[in-house]
Amino acid sequence: MQLINIDCFEYSSVSPESQDVAFTPGANSNVGNVRSNQYSVLTKSMPKPNKLNFSGHETFQCRTLWLKKGYDFLREGNSFTQADATVRLGVGKNMVSSIKYWMSTFGFLSGTDELGKFLLSPRGRDPFLEHIGSLWLLHYRIVTYEIASTLSLVFNELRRERPGFTKDQLLNFLKRKCQERNEPFNAHIVERDIGVFLKTYIRPTSKVQNIEEEFAGIFLELDIVEELEEIDGGGVLRYAIPGRQREELPAEIVLFCILSNQKYGMSISFFDLLNGWNSVGSVFALNDDGLMSKIEEITSHFDGITYKNDAGVREIQFKRKPDRWEVLKRYYEE
C-alpha cells in the first residue's frame, strides 16, 4: 500500500475506506522565535497542500451519534458499500454515504484508529460524546486531518485574514485557494459545503423549518464560529471566529494535541503554538491570554513542563514529554 507524505500526515493513496491512519501529525519545520515578518513565516510553515475536497457529505452535517454508529458498523465487519448498509445503519442511501464521508474526515474509516478506539469502542471513554472535551478533541482532529478542506482553510487562514466574513467572501476565498493550487472550482459544490460548515458549528438564531435538522451539528456546543449582525439590515449575515480565552477548553485536551504534533521538539515557541499551521492557537481560535492560561494550567499540573520568557523569547519547554494517552486518560478520569 503506497503512502503519500503531505508533511502534516501520512495517508493511504488507496480508497479512504481502506485507510488505517493513526493520529500522528508528521514532520514539518518549526517556525521558531519570530518577531518580524510574521506572515512570511506562517506561509513557510504551511504543509504541502492535500488536494482540496468540498464534497462527500451529501449536504448533511455530521450528527453527534453518527461516529459511534459508523464505528460500530465497521467494527462488526460491515462495509458502507454493502447492499444492506441502509438497513443495518437505519438511514437512507444518501445518509449512508454521508456517514462514510464523516468517518473519513475524522480518520475513523478503517475502524482501527487509536483515537476512534479510545473514544468510541465498547470500552471507550466517551462513545456518545457527552464530554465537551471530546468535542474539542474531535474538532482538532477534523481540522488537522485536512480531508474537510473548508474547515482546514477557514481555521488556519481565513480567520486571520478577515475578522468577519460573509458566505460570498468565504466562497471567493475558497475559489482563490483552488486557483493557487491550479485545481478546478465548482461554485455550486463549494456553496453547499459552506452551508454544511455553518450548520456544523452555528446554532440557529432565526426561525427554522426543521428544528431537528438545524440543531443536529456535532460542534454547536463549542460556540467557536459566531454569527454576527446583518450587513446594513439587508439580510446578509456575517460570521467570525475571533480569538478568545476558551475557558471551557480543557488544558489536558490542549496538551494532548500539542504532544500529537510531531513537528514539535522539546521546546516550542509561543508564537508557533498561537499562530502556526494546525497549532492549538489556530484550530481552537485562542487569543494570547487564552493560550497563556492553558500553558499556566499545563505547567502547574504536569511535571517536566515549563514556560520560559527570556528577553522576550517565549516558549514552552519539556524536560520530558508525558505520554499523550495518559494525559487524555487523566481528563476523563477527573
C-alpha atoms as a PDB file:
ATOM      1  CA  MET A   1       0.000   0.000   0.000  1.00  0.00           C
ATOM      2  CA  GLN A   2       1.577   3.234  -1.154  1.00  0.00           C
ATOM      3  CA  LEU A   3       1.778   6.053   1.389  1.00  0.00           C
ATOM      4  CA  ILE A   4       1.715   9.693   0.429  1.00  0.00           C
ATOM      5  CA  ASN A   5       3.592  12.093   2.713  1.00  0.00           C
ATOM      6  CA  ILE A   6       1.974  15.530   2.889  1.00  0.00           C
ATOM      7  CA  ASP A   7       4.156  16.886   5.727  1.00  0.00           C
ATOM      8  CA  CYS A   8       1.366  17.014   8.300  1.00  0.00           C
ATOM      9  CA  PHE A   9       0.022  13.487   7.820  1.00  0.00           C
ATOM     10  CA  GLU A  10       0.624  10.270   6.058  1.00  0.00           C
ATOM     11  CA  TYR A  11      -2.348   8.597   4.477  1.00  0.00           C
ATOM     12  CA  SER A  12      -3.003   5.827   2.017  1.00  0.00           C
ATOM     13  CA  SER A  13      -3.381   6.612  -1.644  1.00  0.00           C
ATOM     14  CA  VAL A  14      -5.964   3.843  -1.970  1.00  0.00           C
ATOM     15  CA  SER A  15      -9.660   4.442  -1.283  1.00  0.00           C
ATOM     16  CA  PRO A  16     -10.451   6.107   2.052  1.00  0.00           C
ATOM     17  CA  GLU A  17     -12.407   3.059   3.261  1.00  0.00           C
ATOM     18  CA  SER A  18      -9.208   1.003   3.381  1.00  0.00           C
ATOM     19  CA  GLN A  19      -7.189   3.628   5.242  1.00  0.00           C
ATOM     20  CA  ASP A  20      -5.618   2.820   8.588  1.00  0.00           C
ATOM     21  CA  VAL A  21      -4.382   6.144   9.854  1.00  0.00           C
ATOM     22  CA  ALA A  22      -3.109   6.892  13.330  1.00  0.00           C
ATOM     23  CA  PHE A  23      -3.402  10.320  14.950  1.00  0.00           C
ATOM     24  CA  THR A  24       0.177  11.222  14.131  1.00  0.00           C
ATOM     25  CA  PRO A  25       0.971  14.554  12.522  1.00  0.00           C
ATOM     26  CA  GLY A  26       4.169  14.256  10.551  1.00  0.00           C
ATOM     27  CA  ALA A  27       7.381  16.222  10.364  1.00  0.00           C
ATOM     28  CA  ASN A  28       7.463  19.845   9.429  1.00  0.00           C
ATOM     29  CA  SER A  29       9.893  22.630  10.134  1.00  0.00           C
ATOM     30  CA  ASN A  30       9.453  24.714  13.293  1.00  0.00           C
ATOM     31  CA  VAL A  31       8.528  28.327  12.824  1.00  0.00           C
ATOM     32  CA  GLY A  32      10.931  29.299  15.579  1.00  0.00           C
ATOM     33  CA  ASN A  33      11.090  32.532  17.517  1.00  0.00           C
ATOM     34  CA  VAL A  34       9.764  35.244  15.242  1.00  0.00           C
ATOM     35  CA  ARG A  35       9.294  38.917  15.983  1.00  0.00           C
ATOM     36  CA  SER A  36       9.086  40.300  12.429  1.00  0.00           C
ATOM     37  CA  ASN A  37       7.748  39.372   9.008  1.00  0.00           C
ATOM     38  CA  GLN A  38       5.257  37.060  10.692  1.00  0.00           C
ATOM     39  CA  TYR A  39       3.041  36.442   7.681  1.00  0.00           C
ATOM     40  CA  SER A  40       6.012  35.220   5.660  1.00  0.00           C
ATOM     41  CA  VAL A  41       6.974  32.826   8.420  1.00  0.00           C
ATOM     42  CA  LEU A  42       3.438  31.492   8.691  1.00  0.00           C
ATOM     43  CA  THR A  43       3.213  30.773   4.975  1.00  0.00           C
ATOM     44  CA  LYS A  44       6.528  28.913   5.140  1.00  0.00           C
ATOM     45  CA  SER A  45       5.160  26.738   7.951  1.00  0.00           C
ATOM     46  CA  MET A  46       2.145  25.614   5.949  1.00  0.00           C
ATOM     47  CA  PRO A  47       2.182  21.979   4.797  1.00  0.00           C
ATOM     48  CA  LYS A  48       2.229  20.992   1.169  1.00  0.00           C
ATOM     49  CA  PRO A  49      -1.494  21.005   0.407  1.00  0.00           C
ATOM     50  CA  ASN A  50      -3.566  17.902   0.007  1.00  0.00           C
ATOM     51  CA  LYS A  51      -5.987  18.008  -2.913  1.00  0.00           C
ATOM     52  CA  LEU A  52      -8.865  20.212  -1.861  1.00  0.00           C
ATOM     53  CA  ASN A  53     -12.167  18.480  -1.204  1.00  0.00           C
ATOM     54  CA  PHE A  54     -15.581  20.081  -0.799  1.00  0.00           C
ATOM     55  CA  SER A  55     -17.958  17.170  -1.312  1.00  0.00           C
ATOM     56  CA  GLY A  56     -18.950  13.777   0.050  1.00  0.00           C
ATOM     57  CA  HIS A  57     -21.294  14.803   2.861  1.00  0.00           C
ATOM     58  CA  GLU A  58     -24.421  14.801   0.655  1.00  0.00           C
ATOM     59  CA  THR A  59     -25.242  18.187   2.313  1.00  0.00           C
ATOM     60  CA  PHE A  60     -25.737  16.537   5.737  1.00  0.00           C
ATOM     61  CA  GLN A  61     -23.744  17.921   8.670  1.00  0.00           C
ATOM     62  CA  CYS A  62     -22.243  15.307  10.979  1.00  0.00           C
ATOM     63  CA  ARG A  63     -24.596  14.257  13.782  1.00  0.00           C
ATOM     64  CA  THR A  64     -23.230  13.564  17.255  1.00  0.00           C
ATOM     65  CA  LEU A  65     -24.222   9.888  17.213  1.00  0.00           C
ATOM     66  CA  TRP A  66     -23.066   9.169  13.675  1.00  0.00           C
ATOM     67  CA  LEU A  67     -19.471   8.491  14.667  1.00  0.00           C
ATOM     68  CA  LYS A  68     -20.491   5.830  17.190  1.00  0.00           C
ATOM     69  CA  LYS A  69     -22.971   4.371  14.715  1.00  0.00           C
ATOM     70  CA  GLY A  70     -20.344   4.253  11.974  1.00  0.00           C
ATOM     71  CA  TYR A  71     -17.642   2.916  14.276  1.00  0.00           C
ATOM     72  CA  ASP A  72     -19.801   0.015  15.497  1.00  0.00           C
ATOM     73  CA  PHE A  73     -20.899  -0.711  11.925  1.00  0.00           C
ATOM     74  CA  LEU A  74     -17.293  -1.075  10.776  1.00  0.00           C
ATOM     75  CA  ARG A  75     -16.190  -2.948  13.902  1.00  0.00           C
ATOM     76  CA  GLU A  76     -18.795  -5.599  13.131  1.00  0.00           C
ATOM     77  CA  GLY A  77     -17.096  -6.214   9.767  1.00  0.00           C
ATOM     78  CA  ASN A  78     -19.527  -4.287   7.592  1.00  0.00           C
ATOM     79  CA  SER A  79     -18.793  -2.074   4.605  1.00  0.00           C
ATOM     80  CA  PHE A  80     -20.564   1.105   3.615  1.00  0.00           C
ATOM     81  CA  THR A  81     -20.875  -0.267   0.083  1.00  0.00           C
ATOM     82  CA  GLN A  82     -22.711  -3.470   1.010  1.00  0.00           C
ATOM     83  CA  ALA A  83     -26.283  -3.849  -0.215  1.00  0.00           C
ATOM     84  CA  ASP A  84     -27.930  -3.839   3.212  1.00  0.00           C
ATOM     85  CA  ALA A  85     -25.972  -0.889   4.649  1.00  0.00           C
ATOM     86  CA  THR A  86     -29.116   1.247   4.751  1.00  0.00           C
ATOM     87  CA  VAL A  87     -30.944  -1.402   6.757  1.00  0.00           C
ATOM     88  CA  ARG A  88     -28.092  -2.016   9.195  1.00  0.00           C
ATOM     89  CA  LEU A  89     -27.499   1.693   9.786  1.00  0.00           C
ATOM     90  CA  GLY A  90     -31.188   2.587   9.786  1.00  0.00           C
ATOM     91  CA  VAL A  91     -30.789   5.562   7.441  1.00  0.00           C
ATOM     92  CA  GLY A  92     -31.305   6.337   3.769  1.00  0.00           C
ATOM     93  CA  LYS A  93     -28.769   5.770   0.991  1.00  0.00           C
ATOM     94  CA  ASN A  94     -27.525   9.367   0.952  1.00  0.00           C
ATOM     95  CA  MET A  95     -27.037   9.341   4.714  1.00  0.00           C
ATOM     96  CA  VAL A  96     -25.009   6.124   4.438  1.00  0.00           C
ATOM     97  CA  SER A  97     -22.680   7.964   2.050  1.00  0.00           C
ATOM     98  CA  SER A  98     -22.592  10.932   4.404  1.00  0.00           C
ATOM     99  CA  ILE A  99     -21.706   8.815   7.445  1.00  0.00           C
ATOM    100  CA  LYS A 100     -18.917   7.220   5.427  1.00  0.00           C
ATOM    101  CA  TYR A 101     -17.623  10.653   4.453  1.00  0.00           C
ATOM    102  CA  TRP A 102     -17.648  11.986   8.019  1.00  0.00           C
ATOM    103  CA  MET A 103     -15.916   8.871   9.308  1.00  0.00           C
ATOM    104  CA  SER A 104     -13.172   9.523   6.752  1.00  0.00           C
ATOM    105  CA  THR A 105     -12.793  13.191   7.785  1.00  0.00           C
ATOM    106  CA  PHE A 106     -12.022  12.123  11.362  1.00  0.00           C
ATOM    107  CA  GLY A 107      -9.711   9.289  10.250  1.00  0.00           C
ATOM    108  CA  PHE A 108     -12.074   6.626  11.618  1.00  0.00           C
ATOM    109  CA  LEU A 109     -12.920   4.847   8.365  1.00  0.00           C
ATOM    110  CA  SER A 110     -10.577   1.916   8.959  1.00  0.00           C
ATOM    111  CA  GLY A 111     -12.175   1.164  12.326  1.00  0.00           C
ATOM    112  CA  THR A 112      -8.701   0.757  13.851  1.00  0.00           C
ATOM    113  CA  ASP A 113      -7.669   4.353  14.534  1.00  0.00           C
ATOM    114  CA  GLU A 114      -6.282   4.902  18.042  1.00  0.00           C
ATOM    115  CA  LEU A 115      -8.414   7.924  18.824  1.00  0.00           C
ATOM    116  CA  GLY A 116     -11.512   6.200  17.486  1.00  0.00           C
ATOM    117  CA  LYS A 117     -10.866   3.226  19.742  1.00  0.00           C
ATOM    118  CA  PHE A 118     -10.159   5.450  22.722  1.00  0.00           C
ATOM    119  CA  LEU A 119     -13.457   7.300  22.404  1.00  0.00           C
ATOM    120  CA  LEU A 120     -15.905   5.032  20.580  1.00  0.00           C
ATOM    121  CA  SER A 121     -15.065   1.373  21.259  1.00  0.00           C
ATOM    122  CA  PRO A 122     -17.270  -0.723  23.617  1.00  0.00           C
ATOM    123  CA  ARG A 123     -14.887   0.217  26.426  1.00  0.00           C
ATOM    124  CA  GLY A 124     -14.240   3.695  25.060  1.00  0.00           C
ATOM    125  CA  ARG A 125     -14.054   6.742  27.296  1.00  0.00           C
ATOM    126  CA  ASP A 126     -16.881   8.707  25.653  1.00  0.00           C
ATOM    127  CA  PRO A 127     -18.752   6.741  22.956  1.00  0.00           C
ATOM    128  CA  PHE A 128     -21.727   9.124  22.935  1.00  0.00           C
ATOM    129  CA  LEU A 129     -19.592  12.288  23.089  1.00  0.00           C
ATOM    130  CA  GLU A 130     -21.078  13.616  26.308  1.00  0.00           C
ATOM    131  CA  HIS A 131     -17.907  15.446  27.425  1.00  0.00           C
ATOM    132  CA  ILE A 132     -17.180  18.886  25.991  1.00  0.00           C
ATOM    133  CA  GLY A 133     -13.504  17.879  25.824  1.00  0.00           C
ATOM    134  CA  SER A 134     -14.380  15.133  23.347  1.00  0.00           C
ATOM    135  CA  LEU A 135     -15.959  17.673  21.029  1.00  0.00           C
ATOM    136  CA  TRP A 136     -12.899  19.950  21.223  1.00  0.00           C
ATOM    137  CA  LEU A 137     -10.698  16.936  20.540  1.00  0.00           C
ATOM    138  CA  LEU A 138     -12.728  15.895  17.503  1.00  0.00           C
ATOM    139  CA  HIS A 139     -12.773  19.489  16.244  1.00  0.00           C
ATOM    140  CA  TYR A 140      -8.972  19.493  16.379  1.00  0.00           C
ATOM    141  CA  ARG A 141      -8.856  16.149  14.593  1.00  0.00           C
ATOM    142  CA  ILE A 142     -11.127  17.073  11.707  1.00  0.00           C
ATOM    143  CA  VAL A 143      -9.396  20.407  11.078  1.00  0.00           C
ATOM    144  CA  THR A 144      -5.875  18.963  11.163  1.00  0.00           C
ATOM    145  CA  TYR A 145      -6.786  15.813   9.223  1.00  0.00           C
ATOM    146  CA  GLU A 146      -7.486  18.095   6.251  1.00  0.00           C
ATOM    147  CA  ILE A 147      -9.982  15.987   4.325  1.00  0.00           C
ATOM    148  CA  ALA A 148     -12.684  18.569   5.053  1.00  0.00           C
ATOM    149  CA  SER A 149     -10.832  21.348   3.224  1.00  0.00           C
ATOM    150  CA  THR A 150     -13.153  24.199   4.149  1.00  0.00           C
ATOM    151  CA  LEU A 151     -12.550  23.614   7.858  1.00  0.00           C
ATOM    152  CA  SER A 152      -8.778  23.421   7.459  1.00  0.00           C
ATOM    153  CA  LEU A 153      -8.578  26.594   5.398  1.00  0.00           C
ATOM    154  CA  VAL A 154     -11.042  28.583   7.497  1.00  0.00           C
ATOM    155  CA  PHE A 155      -9.387  27.903  10.853  1.00  0.00           C
ATOM    156  CA  ASN A 156      -5.803  28.125   9.632  1.00  0.00           C
ATOM    157  CA  GLU A 157      -6.080  31.010   7.183  1.00  0.00           C
ATOM    158  CA  LEU A 158      -9.379  32.824   6.683  1.00  0.00           C
ATOM    159  CA  ARG A 159      -9.954  33.699  10.339  1.00  0.00           C
ATOM    160  CA  ARG A 160      -6.623  35.538  10.303  1.00  0.00           C
ATOM    161  CA  GLU A 161      -7.286  37.312   7.001  1.00  0.00           C
ATOM    162  CA  ARG A 162     -10.757  38.532   7.935  1.00  0.00           C
ATOM    163  CA  PRO A 163     -12.194  39.377  11.359  1.00  0.00           C
ATOM    164  CA  GLY A 164     -15.616  38.777   9.822  1.00  0.00           C
ATOM    165  CA  PHE A 165     -16.840  37.236   6.581  1.00  0.00           C
ATOM    166  CA  THR A 166     -19.999  36.613   4.597  1.00  0.00           C
ATOM    167  CA  LYS A 167     -20.842  33.455   2.665  1.00  0.00           C
ATOM    168  CA  ASP A 168     -19.815  35.202  -0.561  1.00  0.00           C
ATOM    169  CA  GLN A 169     -16.483  36.263   0.927  1.00  0.00           C
ATOM    170  CA  LEU A 170     -15.835  32.707   2.086  1.00  0.00           C
ATOM    171  CA  LEU A 171     -16.764  31.435  -1.373  1.00  0.00           C
ATOM    172  CA  ASN A 172     -14.307  33.836  -3.021  1.00  0.00           C
ATOM    173  CA  PHE A 173     -11.604  32.868  -0.527  1.00  0.00           C
ATOM    174  CA  LEU A 174     -12.030  29.162  -1.349  1.00  0.00           C
ATOM    175  CA  LYS A 175     -12.057  29.967  -5.064  1.00  0.00           C
ATOM    176  CA  ARG A 176      -8.716  31.732  -4.621  1.00  0.00           C
ATOM    177  CA  LYS A 177      -7.311  28.699  -2.774  1.00  0.00           C
ATOM    178  CA  CYS A 178      -8.334  26.464  -5.688  1.00  0.00           C
ATOM    179  CA  GLN A 179      -6.722  28.835  -8.174  1.00  0.00           C
ATOM    180  CA  GLU A 180      -3.491  28.915  -6.155  1.00  0.00           C
ATOM    181  CA  ARG A 181      -3.338  25.110  -6.413  1.00  0.00           C
ATOM    182  CA  ASN A 182      -4.470  25.007 -10.059  1.00  0.00           C
ATOM    183  CA  GLU A 183      -7.445  22.903  -9.018  1.00  0.00           C
ATOM    184  CA  PRO A 184     -10.961  23.051 -10.512  1.00  0.00           C
ATOM    185  CA  PHE A 185     -13.561  25.161  -8.736  1.00  0.00           C
ATOM    186  CA  ASN A 186     -17.279  24.414  -8.801  1.00  0.00           C
ATOM    187  CA  ALA A 187     -19.207  27.240  -7.147  1.00  0.00           C
ATOM    188  CA  HIS A 188     -22.343  25.145  -6.608  1.00  0.00           C
ATOM    189  CA  ILE A 189     -20.450  22.363  -4.817  1.00  0.00           C
ATOM    190  CA  VAL A 190     -18.462  24.792  -2.678  1.00  0.00           C
ATOM    191  CA  GLU A 191     -21.595  26.769  -1.759  1.00  0.00           C
ATOM    192  CA  ARG A 192     -23.189  23.570  -0.461  1.00  0.00           C
ATOM    193  CA  ASP A 193     -20.037  22.784   1.511  1.00  0.00           C
ATOM    194  CA  ILE A 194     -20.131  26.238   3.087  1.00  0.00           C
ATOM    195  CA  GLY A 195     -23.721  25.593   4.124  1.00  0.00           C
ATOM    196  CA  VAL A 196     -22.719  22.329   5.801  1.00  0.00           C
ATOM    197  CA  PHE A 197     -19.785  24.032   7.545  1.00  0.00           C
ATOM    198  CA  LEU A 198     -22.079  26.674   9.030  1.00  0.00           C
ATOM    199  CA  LYS A 199     -24.716  24.131  10.100  1.00  0.00           C
ATOM    200  CA  THR A 200     -21.976  22.117  11.796  1.00  0.00           C
ATOM    201  CA  TYR A 201     -20.820  24.981  14.014  1.00  0.00           C
ATOM    202  CA  ILE A 202     -23.524  27.646  14.345  1.00  0.00           C
ATOM    203  CA  ARG A 203     -26.636  27.435  16.491  1.00  0.00           C
ATOM    204  CA  PRO A 204     -29.652  28.675  14.513  1.00  0.00           C
ATOM    205  CA  THR A 205     -30.776  32.084  15.747  1.00  0.00           C
ATOM    206  CA  SER A 206     -33.701  32.686  13.409  1.00  0.00           C
ATOM    207  CA  LYS A 207     -36.835  30.748  12.538  1.00  0.00           C
ATOM    208  CA  VAL A 208     -36.064  27.303  11.170  1.00  0.00           C
ATOM    209  CA  GLN A 209     -38.367  24.894   9.413  1.00  0.00           C
ATOM    210  CA  ASN A 210     -36.737  21.715  10.673  1.00  0.00           C
ATOM    211  CA  ILE A 211     -35.546  22.058  14.271  1.00  0.00           C
ATOM    212  CA  GLU A 212     -34.087  18.541  14.416  1.00  0.00           C
ATOM    213  CA  GLU A 213     -32.078  19.149  11.253  1.00  0.00           C
ATOM    214  CA  GLU A 214     -30.803  22.619  12.154  1.00  0.00           C
ATOM    215  CA  PHE A 215     -29.733  21.685  15.680  1.00  0.00           C
ATOM    216  CA  ALA A 216     -28.011  18.447  14.661  1.00  0.00           C
ATOM    217  CA  GLY A 217     -24.469  19.750  14.089  1.00  0.00           C
ATOM    218  CA  ILE A 218     -21.847  17.941  16.138  1.00  0.00           C
ATOM    219  CA  PHE A 219     -19.932  21.101  17.146  1.00  0.00           C
ATOM    220  CA  LEU A 220     -22.737  23.515  18.039  1.00  0.00           C
ATOM    221  CA  GLU A 221     -21.792  23.401  21.739  1.00  0.00           C
ATOM    222  CA  LEU A 222     -18.323  24.766  21.052  1.00  0.00           C
ATOM    223  CA  ASP A 223     -19.639  28.195  20.012  1.00  0.00           C
ATOM    224  CA  ILE A 224     -16.391  28.768  18.148  1.00  0.00           C
ATOM    225  CA  VAL A 225     -17.990  30.154  14.971  1.00  0.00           C
ATOM    226  CA  GLU A 226     -20.142  33.204  15.676  1.00  0.00           C
ATOM    227  CA  GLU A 227     -22.990  34.678  13.663  1.00  0.00           C
ATOM    228  CA  LEU A 228     -22.805  38.468  13.585  1.00  0.00           C
ATOM    229  CA  GLU A 229     -25.323  41.136  12.670  1.00  0.00           C
ATOM    230  CA  GLU A 230     -26.795  41.534   9.233  1.00  0.00           C
ATOM    231  CA  ILE A 231     -24.964  43.978   6.964  1.00  0.00           C
ATOM    232  CA  ASP A 232     -26.923  47.252   6.748  1.00  0.00           C
ATOM    233  CA  GLY A 233     -30.091  45.361   7.596  1.00  0.00           C
ATOM    234  CA  GLY A 234     -30.029  43.801   4.143  1.00  0.00           C
ATOM    235  CA  GLY A 235     -30.350  40.199   5.272  1.00  0.00           C
ATOM    236  CA  VAL A 236     -26.714  39.323   4.518  1.00  0.00           C
ATOM    237  CA  LEU A 237     -25.197  37.639   7.569  1.00  0.00           C
ATOM    238  CA  ARG A 238     -21.586  37.888   8.657  1.00  0.00           C
ATOM    239  CA  TYR A 239     -19.637  35.281  10.578  1.00  0.00           C
ATOM    240  CA  ALA A 240     -16.456  35.365  12.629  1.00  0.00           C
ATOM    241  CA  ILE A 241     -14.067  33.097  14.519  1.00  0.00           C
ATOM    242  CA  PRO A 242     -12.480  35.533  16.970  1.00  0.00           C
ATOM    243  CA  GLY A 243      -9.603  34.570  19.206  1.00  0.00           C
ATOM    244  CA  ARG A 244     -10.919  34.019  22.729  1.00  0.00           C
ATOM    245  CA  GLN A 245      -9.757  32.574  26.031  1.00  0.00           C
ATOM    246  CA  ARG A 246     -11.886  29.398  25.666  1.00  0.00           C
ATOM    247  CA  GLU A 247     -12.243  28.748  29.384  1.00  0.00           C
ATOM    248  CA  GLU A 248     -14.355  25.678  28.646  1.00  0.00           C
ATOM    249  CA  LEU A 249     -11.483  24.092  26.643  1.00  0.00           C
ATOM    250  CA  PRO A 250      -9.710  21.558  28.937  1.00  0.00           C
ATOM    251  CA  ALA A 251      -5.955  22.028  29.310  1.00  0.00           C
ATOM    252  CA  GLU A 252      -5.466  18.253  29.005  1.00  0.00           C
ATOM    253  CA  ILE A 253      -7.008  18.351  25.535  1.00  0.00           C
ATOM    254  CA  VAL A 254      -4.676  21.190  24.555  1.00  0.00           C
ATOM    255  CA  LEU A 255      -1.640  19.287  25.831  1.00  0.00           C
ATOM    256  CA  PHE A 256      -2.713  16.082  24.065  1.00  0.00           C
ATOM    257  CA  CYS A 257      -2.952  17.977  20.777  1.00  0.00           C
ATOM    258  CA  ILE A 258       0.463  19.581  21.300  1.00  0.00           C
ATOM    259  CA  LEU A 259       2.014  16.181  22.051  1.00  0.00           C
ATOM    260  CA  SER A 260       0.341  14.683  18.975  1.00  0.00           C
ATOM    261  CA  ASN A 261       2.104  17.135  16.669  1.00  0.00           C
ATOM    262  CA  GLN A 262       5.407  15.518  15.733  1.00  0.00           C
ATOM    263  CA  LYS A 263       6.845  18.699  14.241  1.00  0.00           C
ATOM    264  CA  TYR A 264       7.419  19.962  17.775  1.00  0.00           C
ATOM    265  CA  GLY A 265      10.642  19.235  19.612  1.00  0.00           C
ATOM    266  CA  MET A 266      11.464  19.656  23.282  1.00  0.00           C
ATOM    267  CA  SER A 267      10.873  23.415  23.109  1.00  0.00           C
ATOM    268  CA  ILE A 268       8.099  25.184  21.213  1.00  0.00           C
ATOM    269  CA  SER A 269       7.808  28.904  20.665  1.00  0.00           C
ATOM    270  CA  PHE A 270       4.706  30.630  21.972  1.00  0.00           C
ATOM    271  CA  PHE A 271       4.297  32.226  18.550  1.00  0.00           C
ATOM    272  CA  ASP A 272       4.218  28.839  16.836  1.00  0.00           C
ATOM    273  CA  LEU A 273       1.684  27.474  19.324  1.00  0.00           C
ATOM    274  CA  LEU A 274      -0.513  30.517  18.810  1.00  0.00           C
ATOM    275  CA  ASN A 275      -0.203  31.067  15.058  1.00  0.00           C
ATOM    276  CA  GLY A 276       1.320  28.019  13.361  1.00  0.00           C
ATOM    277  CA  TRP A 277      -0.471  25.870  10.820  1.00  0.00           C
ATOM    278  CA  ASN A 278      -2.637  23.321  12.682  1.00  0.00           C
ATOM    279  CA  SER A 279      -1.440  24.745  16.008  1.00  0.00           C
ATOM    280  CA  VAL A 280      -3.698  24.715  19.058  1.00  0.00           C
ATOM    281  CA  GLY A 281      -3.934  28.503  18.817  1.00  0.00           C
ATOM    282  CA  SER A 282      -5.156  28.380  15.227  1.00  0.00           C
ATOM    283  CA  VAL A 283      -7.504  25.414  15.497  1.00  0.00           C
ATOM    284  CA  PHE A 284      -9.033  26.369  18.859  1.00  0.00           C
ATOM    285  CA  ALA A 285      -9.071  30.094  17.986  1.00  0.00           C
ATOM    286  CA  LEU A 286      -7.231  31.042  21.170  1.00  0.00           C
ATOM    287  CA  ASN A 287      -6.081  34.558  21.838  1.00  0.00           C
ATOM    288  CA  ASP A 288      -2.768  35.385  23.528  1.00  0.00           C
ATOM    289  CA  ASP A 289      -4.244  35.383  27.039  1.00  0.00           C
ATOM    290  CA  GLY A 290      -6.185  32.201  26.365  1.00  0.00           C
ATOM    291  CA  LEU A 291      -3.108  30.269  25.254  1.00  0.00           C
ATOM    292  CA  MET A 292      -1.099  31.663  28.168  1.00  0.00           C
ATOM    293  CA  SER A 293      -3.818  30.495  30.568  1.00  0.00           C
ATOM    294  CA  LYS A 294      -3.724  26.966  29.122  1.00  0.00           C
ATOM    295  CA  ILE A 295       0.078  26.872  29.364  1.00  0.00           C
ATOM    296  CA  GLU A 296      -0.040  28.001  33.002  1.00  0.00           C
ATOM    297  CA  GLU A 297      -2.529  25.260  33.776  1.00  0.00           C
ATOM    298  CA  ILE A 298      -0.436  22.660  31.960  1.00  0.00           C
ATOM    299  CA  THR A 299       2.814  23.621  33.689  1.00  0.00           C
ATOM    300  CA  SER A 300       1.155  23.614  37.112  1.00  0.00           C
ATOM    301  CA  HIS A 301      -0.376  20.147  36.710  1.00  0.00           C
ATOM    302  CA  PHE A 302       2.280  18.245  34.763  1.00  0.00           C
ATOM    303  CA  ASP A 303       5.863  17.679  35.878  1.00  0.00           C
ATOM    304  CA  GLY A 304       8.706  18.270  33.451  1.00  0.00           C
ATOM    305  CA  ILE A 305       6.979  21.061  31.518  1.00  0.00           C
ATOM    306  CA  THR A 306       7.995  24.691  31.987  1.00  0.00           C
ATOM    307  CA  TYR A 307       7.318  28.051  30.407  1.00  0.00           C
ATOM    308  CA  LYS A 308      10.181  30.478  29.763  1.00  0.00           C
ATOM    309  CA  ASN A 309      10.095  34.157  28.860  1.00  0.00           C
ATOM    310  CA  ASP A 310      13.689  35.309  28.431  1.00  0.00           C
ATOM    311  CA  ALA A 311      14.362  38.657  26.753  1.00  0.00           C
ATOM    312  CA  GLY A 312      11.010  38.496  25.000  1.00  0.00           C
ATOM    313  CA  VAL A 313      11.558  34.961  23.705  1.00  0.00           C
ATOM    314  CA  ARG A 314       8.581  32.961  24.942  1.00  0.00           C
ATOM    315  CA  GLU A 315       8.483  29.182  24.729  1.00  0.00           C
ATOM    316  CA  ILE A 316       7.224  26.053  26.411  1.00  0.00           C
ATOM    317  CA  GLN A 317       9.953  23.549  27.287  1.00  0.00           C
ATOM    318  CA  PHE A 318       9.804  19.832  28.023  1.00  0.00           C
ATOM    319  CA  LYS A 319      12.350  18.134  30.255  1.00  0.00           C
ATOM    320  CA  ARG A 320      10.468  15.014  29.289  1.00  0.00           C
ATOM    321  CA  LYS A 321       7.276  14.605  27.324  1.00  0.00           C
ATOM    322  CA  PRO A 322       4.414  12.811  29.073  1.00  0.00           C
ATOM    323  CA  ASP A 323       2.592  10.020  27.268  1.00  0.00           C
ATOM    324  CA  ARG A 324      -0.210  11.736  25.392  1.00  0.00           C
ATOM    325  CA  TRP A 325      -2.701   8.938  26.034  1.00  0.00           C
ATOM    326  CA  GLU A 326      -2.052   9.118  29.771  1.00  0.00           C
ATOM    327  CA  VAL A 327      -2.716  12.863  29.542  1.00  0.00           C
ATOM    328  CA  LEU A 328      -6.010  12.151  27.800  1.00  0.00           C
ATOM    329  CA  LYS A 329      -6.993   9.483  30.327  1.00  0.00           C
ATOM    330  CA  ARG A 330      -6.406  11.987  33.087  1.00  0.00           C
ATOM    331  CA  TYR A 331      -9.058  14.281  31.644  1.00  0.00           C
ATOM    332  CA  TYR A 332     -11.680  11.535  31.525  1.00  0.00           C
ATOM    333  CA  GLU A 333     -10.807  10.239  34.976  1.00  0.00           C
ATOM    334  CA  GLU A 334     -11.224  13.570  36.751  1.00  0.00           C
END
